[in-house]
Amino acid sequence: MPSLKDLKIRIDSVKSTQKITSAMKMVAAAKLRRAQESAEAARPYALRMERMLGSLAQSVGSTEGAPKLLAGTGADETHLLVAFTADRGLCGGFNGSIIRQTRNMTNELRAAGKTVKIFCVGRKGHDVLKREFPDEIIDHVQGLGRRTVEYQEAAGVAQSITSLFEDGAFDICTIIFNRFQSAMTQIVTPQQLIPFEPAVAEEAEDEAADDGPKAVYIFEPEEDEILADLLPRNLAVQIFQALLESSASEHGARMTAMDNATRNAGEMIDNLTLTYNRTRQAFITKELIEIISGAEAL
């Protein structure tokens, strides 16, 4: 049985941990509100740009002069997976879900005879994946969105991916990130960026809901020229949206994890306090018995 001193030291230690987790929960809650507002505000723009490019792609996607970001290389042998994780831990299963999805996709593509390359955004994903797939990781960045997520950071990642594509490093690029739904729920979302793949299901739903006459658009300049300018910009926009969603998901996961940790610490303190009181009572009773026994022996 532990001594009273050991129990007292452990209770104080758990109380200190509870203060830290409670403070981290409040900080994450404050950051979550701003990150959630940014992610929700950026969704309509990213979605509309994707739909507009999808509409343009229908008219030029099958032509020989289509931009390479739209038409692709004509092969699907080499896949680039861009995994968005956090630089820090203590956020529940946020990082683990992305790492698990990246691992599963890598193994599935390997089993199909494809070549896989991995681009890590965030330190946690890179630290784990480099142990399992050291030869597949071709690049990684960290330190993005330390204060707030900036568009320039997303543009830098997009430029790196575009440069790799222009050098022929891969045929298909897919990003993997957590889409924010609530503080307790983050949805792991793979999204193909290169070649551009419009959201067909959403467009079909919109067309089915709209029974009126379809509008006819005249583009100036031509569609292929517009696509050549907008496709690189759309790549940066979609990565920026993924960073915003990932940031909000991280803060939500950390707030939930720290709330659970604070509750668990409170339960542990109650149990240790009960054990401390029982042990103290047992020591007092034992001392009383010894005193009474000594008195009776006299």
C-alpha atoms as a PDB file:
ATOM      1  CA  MET A   1       0.000   0.000   0.000  1.00  0.00           C
ATOM      2  CA  PRO A   2       1.428   3.446  -0.913  1.00  0.00           C
ATOM      3  CA  SER A   3       2.231   5.797   1.894  1.00  0.00           C
ATOM      4  CA  LEU A   4       0.262   8.959   2.654  1.00  0.00           C
ATOM      5  CA  LYS A   5       3.137  11.044   1.342  1.00  0.00           C
ATOM      6  CA  ASP A   6       3.173   9.179  -1.984  1.00  0.00           C
ATOM      7  CA  LEU A   7      -0.584   9.601  -2.377  1.00  0.00           C
ATOM      8  CA  LYS A   8      -0.364  13.302  -1.539  1.00  0.00           C
ATOM      9  CA  ILE A   9       2.413  13.822  -4.110  1.00  0.00           C
ATOM     10  CA  ARG A  10       0.408  12.005  -6.770  1.00  0.00           C
ATOM     11  CA  ILE A  11      -2.749  14.010  -6.056  1.00  0.00           C
ATOM     12  CA  ASP A  12      -0.804  17.266  -6.384  1.00  0.00           C
ATOM     13  CA  SER A  13       0.758  16.026  -9.636  1.00  0.00           C
ATOM     14  CA  VAL A  14      -2.626  15.139 -11.157  1.00  0.00           C
ATOM     15  CA  LYS A  15      -4.039  18.506 -10.072  1.00  0.00           C
ATOM     16  CA  SER A  16      -1.180  20.275 -11.878  1.00  0.00           C
ATOM     17  CA  THR A  17      -1.853  18.208 -15.006  1.00  0.00           C
ATOM     18  CA  GLN A  18      -5.552  19.058 -14.774  1.00  0.00           C
ATOM     19  CA  LYS A  19      -4.739  22.776 -14.706  1.00  0.00           C
ATOM     20  CA  ILE A  20      -2.611  22.398 -17.859  1.00  0.00           C
ATOM     21  CA  THR A  21      -5.243  20.401 -19.779  1.00  0.00           C
ATOM     22  CA  SER A  22      -7.956  22.846 -18.725  1.00  0.00           C
ATOM     23  CA  ALA A  23      -5.890  25.790 -19.961  1.00  0.00           C
ATOM     24  CA  MET A  24      -5.142  24.013 -23.257  1.00  0.00           C
ATOM     25  CA  LYS A  25      -8.857  23.329 -23.692  1.00  0.00           C
ATOM     26  CA  MET A  26      -9.723  27.009 -23.305  1.00  0.00           C
ATOM     27  CA  VAL A  27      -6.968  28.086 -25.711  1.00  0.00           C
ATOM     28  CA  ALA A  28      -8.112  25.534 -28.293  1.00  0.00           C
ATOM     29  CA  ALA A  29     -11.735  26.674 -27.890  1.00  0.00           C
ATOM     30  CA  ALA A  30     -10.748  30.288 -28.569  1.00  0.00           C
ATOM     31  CA  LYS A  31      -8.717  29.309 -31.637  1.00  0.00           C
ATOM     32  CA  LEU A  32     -11.459  26.974 -32.852  1.00  0.00           C
ATOM     33  CA  ARG A  33     -13.993  29.759 -33.142  1.00  0.00           C
ATOM     34  CA  ARG A  34     -11.783  31.825 -35.441  1.00  0.00           C
ATOM     35  CA  ALA A  35     -10.625  28.807 -37.456  1.00  0.00           C
ATOM     36  CA  GLN A  36     -14.194  27.562 -37.905  1.00  0.00           C
ATOM     37  CA  GLU A  37     -15.361  30.958 -39.132  1.00  0.00           C
ATOM     38  CA  SER A  38     -12.501  31.098 -41.651  1.00  0.00           C
ATOM     39  CA  ALA A  39     -13.139  27.568 -42.935  1.00  0.00           C
ATOM     40  CA  GLU A  40     -16.888  28.107 -43.336  1.00  0.00           C
ATOM     41  CA  ALA A  41     -16.373  31.490 -45.011  1.00  0.00           C
ATOM     42  CA  ALA A  42     -13.982  30.005 -47.601  1.00  0.00           C
ATOM     43  CA  ARG A  43     -16.156  27.006 -48.536  1.00  0.00           C
ATOM     44  CA  PRO A  44     -18.547  28.793 -50.946  1.00  0.00           C
ATOM     45  CA  TYR A  45     -15.698  30.333 -52.951  1.00  0.00           C
ATOM     46  CA  ALA A  46     -13.785  27.056 -53.271  1.00  0.00           C
ATOM     47  CA  LEU A  47     -16.965  25.159 -54.199  1.00  0.00           C
ATOM     48  CA  ARG A  48     -18.076  27.694 -56.820  1.00  0.00           C
ATOM     49  CA  MET A  49     -14.655  27.816 -58.419  1.00  0.00           C
ATOM     50  CA  GLU A  50     -14.603  24.018 -58.625  1.00  0.00           C
ATOM     51  CA  ARG A  51     -18.058  23.971 -60.229  1.00  0.00           C
ATOM     52  CA  MET A  52     -17.193  26.721 -62.686  1.00  0.00           C
ATOM     53  CA  LEU A  53     -14.043  24.898 -63.752  1.00  0.00           C
ATOM     54  CA  GLY A  54     -16.065  21.716 -64.072  1.00  0.00           C
ATOM     55  CA  SER A  55     -18.480  23.475 -66.415  1.00  0.00           C
ATOM     56  CA  LEU A  56     -15.607  24.806 -68.511  1.00  0.00           C
ATOM     57  CA  ALA A  57     -13.885  21.414 -68.517  1.00  0.00           C
ATOM     58  CA  GLN A  58     -16.913  19.775 -70.132  1.00  0.00           C
ATOM     59  CA  SER A  59     -16.325  21.744 -73.332  1.00  0.00           C
ATOM     60  CA  VAL A  60     -12.553  21.383 -73.603  1.00  0.00           C
ATOM     61  CA  GLY A  61     -11.703  18.329 -71.518  1.00  0.00           C
ATOM     62  CA  SER A  62     -11.667  15.952 -74.479  1.00  0.00           C
ATOM     63  CA  THR A  63      -9.770  18.216 -76.867  1.00  0.00           C
ATOM     64  CA  GLU A  64      -6.101  17.825 -77.594  1.00  0.00           C
ATOM     65  CA  GLY A  65      -5.317  21.418 -76.632  1.00  0.00           C
ATOM     66  CA  ALA A  66      -6.644  21.076 -73.073  1.00  0.00           C
ATOM     67  CA  PRO A  67      -4.280  22.295 -70.311  1.00  0.00           C
ATOM     68  CA  LYS A  68      -2.134  19.592 -68.783  1.00  0.00           C
ATOM     69  CA  LEU A  69      -3.567  20.199 -65.309  1.00  0.00           C
ATOM     70  CA  LEU A  70      -6.953  19.235 -66.750  1.00  0.00           C
ATOM     71  CA  ALA A  71      -6.069  16.508 -69.244  1.00  0.00           C
ATOM     72  CA  GLY A  72      -3.301  14.972 -67.147  1.00  0.00           C
ATOM     73  CA  THR A  73      -0.384  13.036 -68.549  1.00  0.00           C
ATOM     74  CA  GLY A  74      -2.537  10.307 -70.058  1.00  0.00           C
ATOM     75  CA  ALA A  75      -1.252   7.749 -67.528  1.00  0.00           C
ATOM     76  CA  ASP A  76      -1.961   6.787 -63.933  1.00  0.00           C
ATOM     77  CA  GLU A  77       1.200   4.931 -62.975  1.00  0.00           C
ATOM     78  CA  THR A  78       2.612   7.382 -60.421  1.00  0.00           C
ATOM     79  CA  HIS A  79       0.447   8.815 -57.630  1.00  0.00           C
ATOM     80  CA  LEU A  80       1.320  11.679 -55.304  1.00  0.00           C
ATOM     81  CA  LEU A  81      -0.440  11.673 -51.931  1.00  0.00           C
ATOM     82  CA  VAL A  82      -0.388  14.968 -50.024  1.00  0.00           C
ATOM     83  CA  ALA A  83      -1.112  14.298 -46.328  1.00  0.00           C
ATOM     84  CA  PHE A  84      -2.236  17.246 -44.160  1.00  0.00           C
ATOM     85  CA  THR A  85      -1.433  16.716 -40.476  1.00  0.00           C
ATOM     86  CA  ALA A  86      -0.548  18.979 -37.558  1.00  0.00           C
ATOM     87  CA  ASP A  87       2.834  20.043 -36.212  1.00  0.00           C
ATOM     88  CA  ARG A  88       1.769  19.237 -32.639  1.00  0.00           C
ATOM     89  CA  GLY A  89       0.083  16.348 -30.886  1.00  0.00           C
ATOM     90  CA  LEU A  90      -2.403  16.162 -27.999  1.00  0.00           C
ATOM     91  CA  CYS A  91      -5.333  16.370 -30.414  1.00  0.00           C
ATOM     92  CA  GLY A  92      -6.909  12.946 -30.144  1.00  0.00           C
ATOM     93  CA  GLY A  93      -7.134  10.926 -33.324  1.00  0.00           C
ATOM     94  CA  PHE A  94      -6.700  13.901 -35.665  1.00  0.00           C
ATOM     95  CA  ASN A  95      -3.222  12.967 -36.896  1.00  0.00           C
ATOM     96  CA  GLY A  96      -3.760   9.225 -36.640  1.00  0.00           C
ATOM     97  CA  SER A  97      -6.765   9.246 -38.977  1.00  0.00           C
ATOM     98  CA  ILE A  98      -4.807  11.019 -41.741  1.00  0.00           C
ATOM     99  CA  ILE A  99      -1.791   8.742 -41.293  1.00  0.00           C
ATOM    100  CA  ARG A 100      -4.042   5.675 -41.395  1.00  0.00           C
ATOM    101  CA  GLN A 101      -5.788   6.829 -44.571  1.00  0.00           C
ATOM    102  CA  THR A 102      -2.456   7.625 -46.242  1.00  0.00           C
ATOM    103  CA  ARG A 103      -1.078   4.228 -45.249  1.00  0.00           C
ATOM    104  CA  ASN A 104      -4.154   2.411 -46.591  1.00  0.00           C
ATOM    105  CA  MET A 105      -4.137   4.291 -49.894  1.00  0.00           C
ATOM    106  CA  THR A 106      -0.405   3.691 -50.305  1.00  0.00           C
ATOM    107  CA  ASN A 107      -0.769  -0.034 -49.723  1.00  0.00           C
ATOM    108  CA  GLU A 108      -3.761  -0.274 -52.079  1.00  0.00           C
ATOM    109  CA  LEU A 109      -1.956   1.549 -54.864  1.00  0.00           C
ATOM    110  CA  ARG A 110       1.158  -0.555 -54.343  1.00  0.00           C
ATOM    111  CA  ALA A 111      -0.941  -3.716 -54.538  1.00  0.00           C
ATOM    112  CA  ALA A 112      -2.325  -2.464 -57.861  1.00  0.00           C
ATOM    113  CA  GLY A 113       1.217  -2.082 -59.225  1.00  0.00           C
ATOM    114  CA  LYS A 114       1.336   1.715 -58.985  1.00  0.00           C
ATOM    115  CA  THR A 115       4.206   3.901 -57.856  1.00  0.00           C
ATOM    116  CA  VAL A 116       3.407   6.056 -54.817  1.00  0.00           C
ATOM    117  CA  LYS A 117       5.057   9.262 -53.648  1.00  0.00           C
ATOM    118  CA  ILE A 118       4.138  11.125 -50.480  1.00  0.00           C
ATOM    119  CA  PHE A 119       4.222  14.861 -49.761  1.00  0.00           C
ATOM    120  CA  CYS A 120       3.799  15.595 -46.036  1.00  0.00           C
ATOM    121  CA  VAL A 121       2.280  18.855 -44.793  1.00  0.00           C
ATOM    122  CA  GLY A 122       2.826  18.922 -41.035  1.00  0.00           C
ATOM    123  CA  ARG A 123       5.482  17.460 -38.755  1.00  0.00           C
ATOM    124  CA  LYS A 124       3.458  14.673 -37.120  1.00  0.00           C
ATOM    125  CA  GLY A 125       2.592  12.945 -40.367  1.00  0.00           C
ATOM    126  CA  HIS A 126       6.165  13.183 -41.613  1.00  0.00           C
ATOM    127  CA  ASP A 127       7.616  11.758 -38.386  1.00  0.00           C
ATOM    128  CA  VAL A 128       5.432   8.650 -38.590  1.00  0.00           C
ATOM    129  CA  LEU A 129       5.301   8.050 -42.337  1.00  0.00           C
ATOM    130  CA  LYS A 130       9.065   8.414 -42.825  1.00  0.00           C
ATOM    131  CA  ARG A 131       9.552   5.321 -40.656  1.00  0.00           C
ATOM    132  CA  GLU A 132       7.137   3.253 -42.754  1.00  0.00           C
ATOM    133  CA  PHE A 133       7.717   4.735 -46.209  1.00  0.00           C
ATOM    134  CA  PRO A 134      11.175   6.362 -46.175  1.00  0.00           C
ATOM    135  CA  ASP A 135      11.690   5.981 -49.935  1.00  0.00           C
ATOM    136  CA  GLU A 136       8.240   7.291 -50.900  1.00  0.00           C
ATOM    137  CA  ILE A 137       8.439  10.655 -49.122  1.00  0.00           C
ATOM    138  CA  ILE A 138       9.760  13.205 -51.612  1.00  0.00           C
ATOM    139  CA  ASP A 139       9.135  16.444 -49.719  1.00  0.00           C
ATOM    140  CA  HIS A 140       7.582  17.876 -46.566  1.00  0.00           C
ATOM    141  CA  VAL A 141       6.732  21.276 -45.112  1.00  0.00           C
ATOM    142  CA  GLN A 142       5.893  22.306 -41.563  1.00  0.00           C
ATOM    143  CA  GLY A 143       5.142  25.426 -39.587  1.00  0.00           C
ATOM    144  CA  LEU A 144       2.135  26.438 -41.709  1.00  0.00           C
ATOM    145  CA  GLY A 145      -0.658  28.343 -39.964  1.00  0.00           C
ATOM    146  CA  ARG A 146       1.103  28.809 -36.638  1.00  0.00           C
ATOM    147  CA  ARG A 147      -0.925  31.936 -35.988  1.00  0.00           C
ATOM    148  CA  THR A 148      -3.448  31.952 -38.841  1.00  0.00           C
ATOM    149  CA  VAL A 149      -3.571  30.141 -42.164  1.00  0.00           C
ATOM    150  CA  GLU A 150      -2.411  32.469 -44.944  1.00  0.00           C
ATOM    151  CA  TYR A 151      -3.138  32.114 -48.651  1.00  0.00           C
ATOM    152  CA  GLN A 152       0.548  32.647 -49.450  1.00  0.00           C
ATOM    153  CA  GLU A 153       1.374  29.452 -47.555  1.00  0.00           C
ATOM    154  CA  ALA A 154      -1.120  27.480 -49.634  1.00  0.00           C
ATOM    155  CA  ALA A 155       0.220  29.082 -52.811  1.00  0.00           C
ATOM    156  CA  GLY A 156       3.723  27.946 -51.875  1.00  0.00           C
ATOM    157  CA  VAL A 157       2.575  24.336 -51.426  1.00  0.00           C
ATOM    158  CA  ALA A 158       0.645  24.539 -54.709  1.00  0.00           C
ATOM    159  CA  GLN A 159       3.727  25.854 -56.499  1.00  0.00           C
ATOM    160  CA  SER A 160       5.813  22.946 -55.178  1.00  0.00           C
ATOM    161  CA  ILE A 161       3.212  20.430 -56.391  1.00  0.00           C
ATOM    162  CA  THR A 162       2.945  22.149 -59.772  1.00  0.00           C
ATOM    163  CA  SER A 163       6.713  22.101 -60.201  1.00  0.00           C
ATOM    164  CA  LEU A 164       6.807  18.374 -59.440  1.00  0.00           C
ATOM    165  CA  PHE A 165       4.040  17.778 -61.976  1.00  0.00           C
ATOM    166  CA  GLU A 166       5.761  19.799 -64.667  1.00  0.00           C
ATOM    167  CA  ASP A 167       8.954  17.806 -64.047  1.00  0.00           C
ATOM    168  CA  GLY A 168       7.016  14.580 -64.603  1.00  0.00           C
ATOM    169  CA  ALA A 169       7.334  13.367 -61.014  1.00  0.00           C
ATOM    170  CA  PHE A 170       3.751  12.040 -60.878  1.00  0.00           C
ATOM    171  CA  ASP A 171       0.600  11.513 -62.929  1.00  0.00           C
ATOM    172  CA  ILE A 172      -2.167  11.910 -60.335  1.00  0.00           C
ATOM    173  CA  CYS A 173      -2.191  14.068 -57.199  1.00  0.00           C
ATOM    174  CA  THR A 174      -4.595  13.476 -54.297  1.00  0.00           C
ATOM    175  CA  ILE A 175      -4.744  15.494 -51.087  1.00  0.00           C
ATOM    176  CA  ILE A 176      -5.851  13.884 -47.808  1.00  0.00           C
ATOM    177  CA  PHE A 177      -7.177  16.165 -45.078  1.00  0.00           C
ATOM    178  CA  ASN A 178      -9.721  16.338 -42.260  1.00  0.00           C
ATOM    179  CA  ARG A 179     -12.872  18.220 -43.234  1.00  0.00           C
ATOM    180  CA  PHE A 180     -14.340  20.050 -40.238  1.00  0.00           C
ATOM    181  CA  GLN A 181     -17.888  19.069 -39.297  1.00  0.00           C
ATOM    182  CA  SER A 182     -18.009  19.779 -35.569  1.00  0.00           C
ATOM    183  CA  ALA A 183     -15.689  19.982 -32.598  1.00  0.00           C
ATOM    184  CA  MET A 184     -16.159  16.241 -32.073  1.00  0.00           C
ATOM    185  CA  THR A 185     -16.348  15.102 -35.699  1.00  0.00           C
ATOM    186  CA  GLN A 186     -13.761  15.468 -38.454  1.00  0.00           C
ATOM    187  CA  ILE A 187     -14.219  13.672 -41.781  1.00  0.00           C
ATOM    188  CA  VAL A 188     -11.139  12.269 -43.517  1.00  0.00           C
ATOM    189  CA  THR A 189     -11.452  13.488 -47.122  1.00  0.00           C
ATOM    190  CA  PRO A 190      -9.341  12.405 -50.111  1.00  0.00           C
ATOM    191  CA  GLN A 191      -9.662  14.864 -53.017  1.00  0.00           C
ATOM    192  CA  GLN A 192      -8.017  14.522 -56.415  1.00  0.00           C
ATOM    193  CA  LEU A 193      -6.501  17.782 -57.643  1.00  0.00           C
ATOM    194  CA  ILE A 194      -4.401  16.741 -60.656  1.00  0.00           C
ATOM    195  CA  PRO A 195      -5.794  16.096 -63.179  1.00  0.00           C
ATOM    196  CA  PHE A 196      -8.746  18.274 -62.245  1.00  0.00           C
ATOM    197  CA  GLU A 197     -11.787  16.169 -61.309  1.00  0.00           C
ATOM    198  CA  PRO A 198     -15.061  18.108 -60.850  1.00  0.00           C
ATOM    199  CA  ALA A 199     -17.634  17.089 -58.258  1.00  0.00           C
ATOM    200  CA  VAL A 200     -19.906  15.204 -60.642  1.00  0.00           C
ATOM    201  CA  ALA A 201     -22.419  14.130 -58.016  1.00  0.00           C
ATOM    202  CA  GLU A 202     -23.039  17.677 -56.780  1.00  0.00           C
ATOM    203  CA  GLU A 203     -23.417  19.011 -60.307  1.00  0.00           C
ATOM    204  CA  ALA A 204     -25.877  16.253 -61.164  1.00  0.00           C
ATOM    205  CA  GLU A 205     -27.978  17.117 -58.114  1.00  0.00           C
ATOM    206  CA  ASP A 206     -28.007  20.799 -59.056  1.00  0.00           C
ATOM    207  CA  GLU A 207     -29.056  19.993 -62.629  1.00  0.00           C
ATOM    208  CA  ALA A 208     -31.793  17.657 -61.417  1.00  0.00           C
ATOM    209  CA  ALA A 209     -33.119  20.317 -59.040  1.00  0.00           C
ATOM    210  CA  ASP A 210     -33.143  22.986 -61.761  1.00  0.00           C
ATOM    211  CA  ASP A 211     -35.942  22.237 -64.256  1.00  0.00           C
ATOM    212  CA  GLY A 212     -35.747  25.624 -65.984  1.00  0.00           C
ATOM    213  CA  PRO A 213     -33.920  26.508 -69.202  1.00  0.00           C
ATOM    214  CA  LYS A 214     -30.145  26.197 -69.128  1.00  0.00           C
ATOM    215  CA  ALA A 215     -28.108  29.363 -69.587  1.00  0.00           C
ATOM    216  CA  VAL A 216     -25.740  29.713 -72.531  1.00  0.00           C
ATOM    217  CA  TYR A 217     -22.453  31.452 -71.773  1.00  0.00           C
ATOM    218  CA  ILE A 218     -20.075  33.189 -74.161  1.00  0.00           C
ATOM    219  CA  PHE A 219     -16.511  33.273 -72.870  1.00  0.00           C
ATOM    220  CA  GLU A 220     -13.910  35.899 -73.682  1.00  0.00           C
ATOM    221  CA  PRO A 221     -11.149  34.809 -74.054  1.00  0.00           C
ATOM    222  CA  GLU A 222     -11.718  31.190 -75.076  1.00  0.00           C
ATOM    223  CA  GLU A 223     -12.392  28.422 -72.580  1.00  0.00           C
ATOM    224  CA  ASP A 224      -8.969  26.841 -72.893  1.00  0.00           C
ATOM    225  CA  GLU A 225      -7.243  30.140 -72.139  1.00  0.00           C
ATOM    226  CA  ILE A 226      -9.431  30.709 -69.089  1.00  0.00           C
ATOM    227  CA  LEU A 227      -8.697  27.196 -67.859  1.00  0.00           C
ATOM    228  CA  ALA A 228      -4.964  27.651 -68.349  1.00  0.00           C
ATOM    229  CA  ASP A 229      -5.131  30.655 -65.998  1.00  0.00           C
ATOM    230  CA  LEU A 230      -7.661  29.365 -63.463  1.00  0.00           C
ATOM    231  CA  LEU A 231      -6.467  25.766 -63.006  1.00  0.00           C
ATOM    232  CA  PRO A 232      -3.235  26.741 -61.152  1.00  0.00           C
ATOM    233  CA  ARG A 233      -5.227  29.234 -59.106  1.00  0.00           C
ATOM    234  CA  ASN A 234      -7.829  26.577 -58.288  1.00  0.00           C
ATOM    235  CA  LEU A 235      -5.039  24.295 -57.090  1.00  0.00           C
ATOM    236  CA  ALA A 236      -3.926  26.942 -54.584  1.00  0.00           C
ATOM    237  CA  VAL A 237      -7.530  27.662 -53.556  1.00  0.00           C
ATOM    238  CA  GLN A 238      -8.302  23.989 -52.873  1.00  0.00           C
ATOM    239  CA  ILE A 239      -5.089  23.584 -50.862  1.00  0.00           C
ATOM    240  CA  PHE A 240      -5.902  26.773 -48.949  1.00  0.00           C
ATOM    241  CA  GLN A 241      -9.357  25.363 -48.189  1.00  0.00           C
ATOM    242  CA  ALA A 242      -7.785  22.067 -47.052  1.00  0.00           C
ATOM    243  CA  LEU A 243      -5.445  23.973 -44.715  1.00  0.00           C
ATOM    244  CA  LEU A 244      -8.366  25.920 -43.243  1.00  0.00           C
ATOM    245  CA  GLU A 245     -10.427  22.760 -42.753  1.00  0.00           C
ATOM    246  CA  SER A 246      -7.431  20.987 -41.237  1.00  0.00           C
ATOM    247  CA  SER A 247      -6.729  23.878 -38.859  1.00  0.00           C
ATOM    248  CA  ALA A 248     -10.330  23.991 -37.618  1.00  0.00           C
ATOM    249  CA  SER A 249     -10.373  20.206 -37.254  1.00  0.00           C
ATOM    250  CA  GLU A 250      -7.129  20.256 -35.281  1.00  0.00           C
ATOM    251  CA  HIS A 251      -8.391  22.837 -32.791  1.00  0.00           C
ATOM    252  CA  GLY A 252     -11.714  21.021 -32.446  1.00  0.00           C
ATOM    253  CA  ALA A 253      -9.983  17.687 -31.851  1.00  0.00           C
ATOM    254  CA  ARG A 254      -7.573  19.250 -29.345  1.00  0.00           C
ATOM    255  CA  MET A 255     -10.392  20.957 -27.442  1.00  0.00           C
ATOM    256  CA  THR A 256     -12.306  17.666 -27.213  1.00  0.00           C
ATOM    257  CA  ALA A 257      -9.195  15.710 -26.206  1.00  0.00           C
ATOM    258  CA  MET A 258      -8.235  18.210 -23.500  1.00  0.00           C
ATOM    259  CA  ASP A 259     -11.809  18.280 -22.191  1.00  0.00           C
ATOM    260  CA  ASN A 260     -11.741  14.490 -21.851  1.00  0.00           C
ATOM    261  CA  ALA A 261      -8.305  14.666 -20.214  1.00  0.00           C
ATOM    262  CA  THR A 262      -9.554  17.257 -17.719  1.00  0.00           C
ATOM    263  CA  ARG A 263     -12.543  15.086 -16.841  1.00  0.00           C
ATOM    264  CA  ASN A 264     -10.357  12.011 -16.447  1.00  0.00           C
ATOM    265  CA  ALA A 265      -7.972  13.940 -14.212  1.00  0.00           C
ATOM    266  CA  GLY A 266     -10.913  14.992 -12.027  1.00  0.00           C
ATOM    267  CA  GLU A 267     -12.054  11.388 -11.673  1.00  0.00           C
ATOM    268  CA  MET A 268      -8.503  10.301 -10.849  1.00  0.00           C
ATOM    269  CA  ILE A 269      -8.220  13.014  -8.185  1.00  0.00           C
ATOM    270  CA  ASP A 270     -11.487  11.866  -6.604  1.00  0.00           C
ATOM    271  CA  ASN A 271     -10.321   8.236  -6.522  1.00  0.00           C
ATOM    272  CA  LEU A 272      -6.894   9.151  -5.140  1.00  0.00           C
ATOM    273  CA  THR A 273      -8.472  11.399  -2.506  1.00  0.00           C
ATOM    274  CA  LEU A 274     -10.779   8.570  -1.444  1.00  0.00           C
ATOM    275  CA  THR A 275      -7.800   6.198  -1.226  1.00  0.00           C
ATOM    276  CA  TYR A 276      -5.835   8.822   0.718  1.00  0.00           C
ATOM    277  CA  ASN A 277      -8.646   9.290   3.252  1.00  0.00           C
ATOM    278  CA  ARG A 278      -9.109   5.534   3.688  1.00  0.00           C
ATOM    279  CA  THR A 279      -5.370   4.991   4.139  1.00  0.00           C
ATOM    280  CA  ARG A 280      -5.171   7.860   6.607  1.00  0.00           C
ATOM    281  CA  GLN A 281      -8.110   6.444   8.567  1.00  0.00           C
ATOM    282  CA  ALA A 282      -6.457   3.020   8.609  1.00  0.00           C
ATOM    283  CA  PHE A 283      -3.232   4.506   9.979  1.00  0.00           C
ATOM    284  CA  ILE A 284      -5.137   6.408  12.670  1.00  0.00           C
ATOM    285  CA  THR A 285      -7.092   3.309  13.659  1.00  0.00           C
ATOM    286  CA  LYS A 286      -3.895   1.264  13.816  1.00  0.00           C
ATOM    287  CA  GLU A 287      -2.216   3.837  16.057  1.00  0.00           C
ATOM    288  CA  LEU A 288      -5.237   3.956  18.365  1.00  0.00           C
ATOM    289  CA  ILE A 289      -5.233   0.167  18.638  1.00  0.00           C
ATOM    290  CA  GLU A 290      -1.543   0.189  19.505  1.00  0.00           C
ATOM    291  CA  ILE A 291      -2.068   2.885  22.179  1.00  0.00           C
ATOM    292  CA  ILE A 292      -5.025   1.055  23.715  1.00  0.00           C
ATOM    293  CA  SER A 293      -3.197  -2.270  23.642  1.00  0.00           C
ATOM    294  CA  GLY A 294      -0.182  -0.695  25.322  1.00  0.00           C
ATOM    295  CA  ALA A 295      -2.372   0.903  27.983  1.00  0.00           C
ATOM    296  CA  GLU A 296      -4.114  -2.391  28.728  1.00  0.00           C
ATOM    297  CA  ALA A 297      -0.776  -4.191  28.968  1.00  0.00           C
ATOM    298  CA  LEU A 298       0.236  -1.841  31.772  1.00  0.00           C
END
